[in-house]
Protein backbone atom coordinates (compact mmCIF):
# COMPACT_ATOMS: atom_id res chain seq x y z
CA MET A 1 -13.68 -8.98 -3.18
CA SER A 2 -12.70 -5.36 -3.26
CA SER A 3 -9.57 -3.68 -4.76
CA THR A 4 -9.02 -2.21 -1.09
CA HIS A 5 -8.83 -6.09 -0.41
CA HIS A 6 -6.27 -7.07 -3.20
CA GLU A 7 -4.19 -4.59 -1.93
CA GLN A 8 -4.37 -5.34 1.74
CA ILE A 9 -3.22 -8.84 0.39
CA ILE A 10 -0.35 -7.71 -1.15
CA ARG A 11 1.10 -5.65 1.59
CA GLU A 12 0.19 -8.58 3.84
CA MET A 13 1.96 -10.81 1.94
CA PHE A 14 5.45 -9.11 2.16
CA THR A 15 5.49 -7.93 5.23
CA THR A 16 5.49 -11.71 5.65
CA PHE A 17 8.11 -12.44 3.17
CA THR A 18 10.40 -9.61 4.54
CA ASP A 19 9.80 -10.91 8.32
CA PHE A 20 12.68 -13.16 8.70
CA GLY A 21 11.32 -14.03 12.16
CA SER A 22 8.24 -15.73 10.76
CA THR A 23 8.17 -19.03 9.31
CA PRO A 24 8.51 -18.90 5.82
CA ASP A 25 5.63 -21.51 4.85
CA LYS A 26 3.40 -18.53 6.57
CA LEU A 27 4.03 -17.49 3.12
CA LEU A 28 1.91 -20.26 1.46
CA ASP A 29 -1.83 -19.00 2.79
CA PHE A 30 -1.36 -16.16 0.56
CA MET A 31 -1.20 -18.55 -2.66
CA THR A 32 -3.27 -20.72 -4.40
CA PRO A 33 -1.82 -24.15 -4.84
CA ASP A 34 -1.60 -23.99 -8.67
CA TYR A 35 0.62 -20.75 -8.26
CA ARG A 36 2.66 -19.57 -10.50
CA GLN A 37 5.17 -16.81 -10.43
CA PHE A 38 7.43 -15.30 -13.39
CA VAL A 39 10.35 -13.71 -12.36
CA ASP A 40 12.29 -12.18 -14.96
CA GLY A 41 10.82 -14.73 -17.49
CA ARG A 42 11.90 -17.94 -15.35
CA GLU A 43 8.76 -19.89 -14.27
CA MET A 44 8.10 -20.79 -10.46
CA THR A 45 6.12 -23.03 -9.08
CA LEU A 46 5.00 -22.85 -5.37
CA ASP A 47 6.68 -25.29 -4.12
CA ASP A 48 9.73 -23.39 -6.41
CA LEU A 49 8.57 -20.17 -4.60
CA ARG A 50 9.32 -21.46 -0.63
CA VAL A 51 12.79 -23.11 -2.39
CA HIS A 52 13.44 -19.74 -2.76
CA THR A 53 11.86 -17.74 0.16
CA HIS A 54 14.31 -20.06 2.21
CA ALA A 55 17.47 -19.33 0.03
CA LEU A 56 16.78 -15.82 0.17
CA ARG A 57 16.78 -15.79 3.99
CA ASN A 58 20.24 -18.27 4.07
CA ALA A 59 21.84 -15.33 1.62
CA LEU A 60 20.14 -11.77 3.45
CA GLY A 61 20.49 -10.37 6.53
CA ALA A 62 17.42 -8.46 5.51
CA LEU A 63 14.63 -7.35 3.15
CA GLU A 64 12.80 -4.52 2.92
CA ILE A 65 10.27 -3.97 0.53
CA ASP A 66 8.84 0.20 -0.25
CA ILE A 67 5.67 -0.23 -2.58
CA GLN A 68 5.56 2.98 -4.71
CA HIS A 69 2.87 2.03 -6.77
CA VAL A 70 -0.31 0.18 -6.35
CA VAL A 71 -3.25 -0.20 -8.88
CA CYS A 72 -6.13 -2.78 -8.64
CA GLU A 73 -9.24 -3.33 -10.67
CA ASP A 74 -11.64 -6.19 -9.81
CA ASP A 75 -9.05 -10.01 -10.19
CA LYS A 76 -6.36 -8.06 -11.27
CA ALA A 77 -3.32 -5.77 -9.46
CA ALA A 78 -0.11 -4.44 -10.10
CA THR A 79 2.80 -2.98 -7.64
CA VAL A 80 6.42 -1.02 -9.06
CA HIS A 81 8.10 -1.49 -5.45
CA VAL A 82 11.73 -1.31 -4.38
CA ALA A 83 13.40 -4.11 -2.48
CA ARG A 84 16.68 -3.00 0.02
CA ALA A 85 18.27 -6.56 0.23
CA THR A 86 21.02 -6.51 2.68
CA ARG A 87 23.11 -9.88 2.83
CA ARG A 88 24.91 -11.13 5.55
CA SER A 89 28.45 -9.66 4.84
CA GLY A 90 26.40 -5.38 5.26
CA GLU A 91 26.63 -5.37 1.18
CA GLN A 92 23.23 -3.66 0.13
CA SER A 93 21.08 -4.05 -3.11
CA LEU A 94 18.52 -1.99 -4.62
CA ILE A 95 16.34 -3.43 -7.39
CA LYS A 96 12.93 -2.01 -8.78
CA VAL A 97 10.47 -4.51 -9.42
CA ILE A 98 7.09 -3.97 -11.67
CA ALA A 99 4.84 -7.15 -11.00
CA PHE A 100 1.27 -8.14 -11.90
CA TYR A 101 -0.77 -10.01 -9.85
CA GLN A 102 -3.75 -12.27 -10.61
CA PHE A 103 -6.32 -13.24 -7.37
CA ARG A 104 -8.86 -16.03 -7.39
CA GLU A 105 -11.15 -16.59 -4.07
CA GLY A 106 -8.91 -13.84 -2.22
CA ARG A 107 -5.29 -15.64 -2.73
CA ILE A 108 -2.80 -14.82 -5.06
CA CYS A 109 -2.88 -17.27 -7.99
CA LEU A 110 0.02 -15.44 -10.91
CA VAL A 111 2.74 -12.58 -10.06
CA ASP A 112 4.45 -12.05 -13.61
CA GLU A 113 7.38 -9.51 -12.43
CA LEU A 114 10.38 -8.05 -13.91
CA THR A 115 13.20 -6.67 -12.16
CA HIS A 116 15.88 -3.85 -12.40
CA VAL A 117 19.03 -3.92 -10.27
CA LEU A 118 19.15 0.34 -9.39
CA GLU A 119 21.88 -0.40 -7.04
CA GLY A 120 24.36 -3.21 -6.10
CA SER A 121 26.37 -5.95 -8.23
CA GLY A 122 25.49 -8.29 -11.48
CA SER A 123 24.77 -10.98 -9.34
CA ASP A 124 21.65 -9.25 -7.62
CA ARG A 125 19.99 -9.89 -10.90
CA ALA A 126 19.47 -13.03 -10.04
CA LEU A 127 18.13 -12.51 -6.66
CA GLY A 128 14.39 -12.04 -8.35
CA ALA A 129 14.83 -16.19 -8.64
CA LEU A 130 17.41 -17.28 -6.71
CA GLN A 131 16.92 -20.92 -5.42
């Protein structure tokens, strides 16, 4: 697969992830069955990702992802992106994320990311792995 294809997968995955009108299970089409995600040291499985997606949609009114940098090489990619989370109360958070991705057979099998709250409360640090 080309690096352009991997970038497209990441962008489409984020579009699905932030589309609160879509079925959260559509997100799972981008991941392998043995998918693993590490967020600030916490490990999540594919089932945990499903729970995380539902939890975010329950807690937030909107979520936007702005990819600032993306680098792709072979079966790996990395992004620096900023997530703007709007809680149902209207309170907003801005979280910078540095993420590494690994692909297998055109799907994401691993995400390893670190998050940093730029704006918001201390509790926003937990949004990246909210269950």
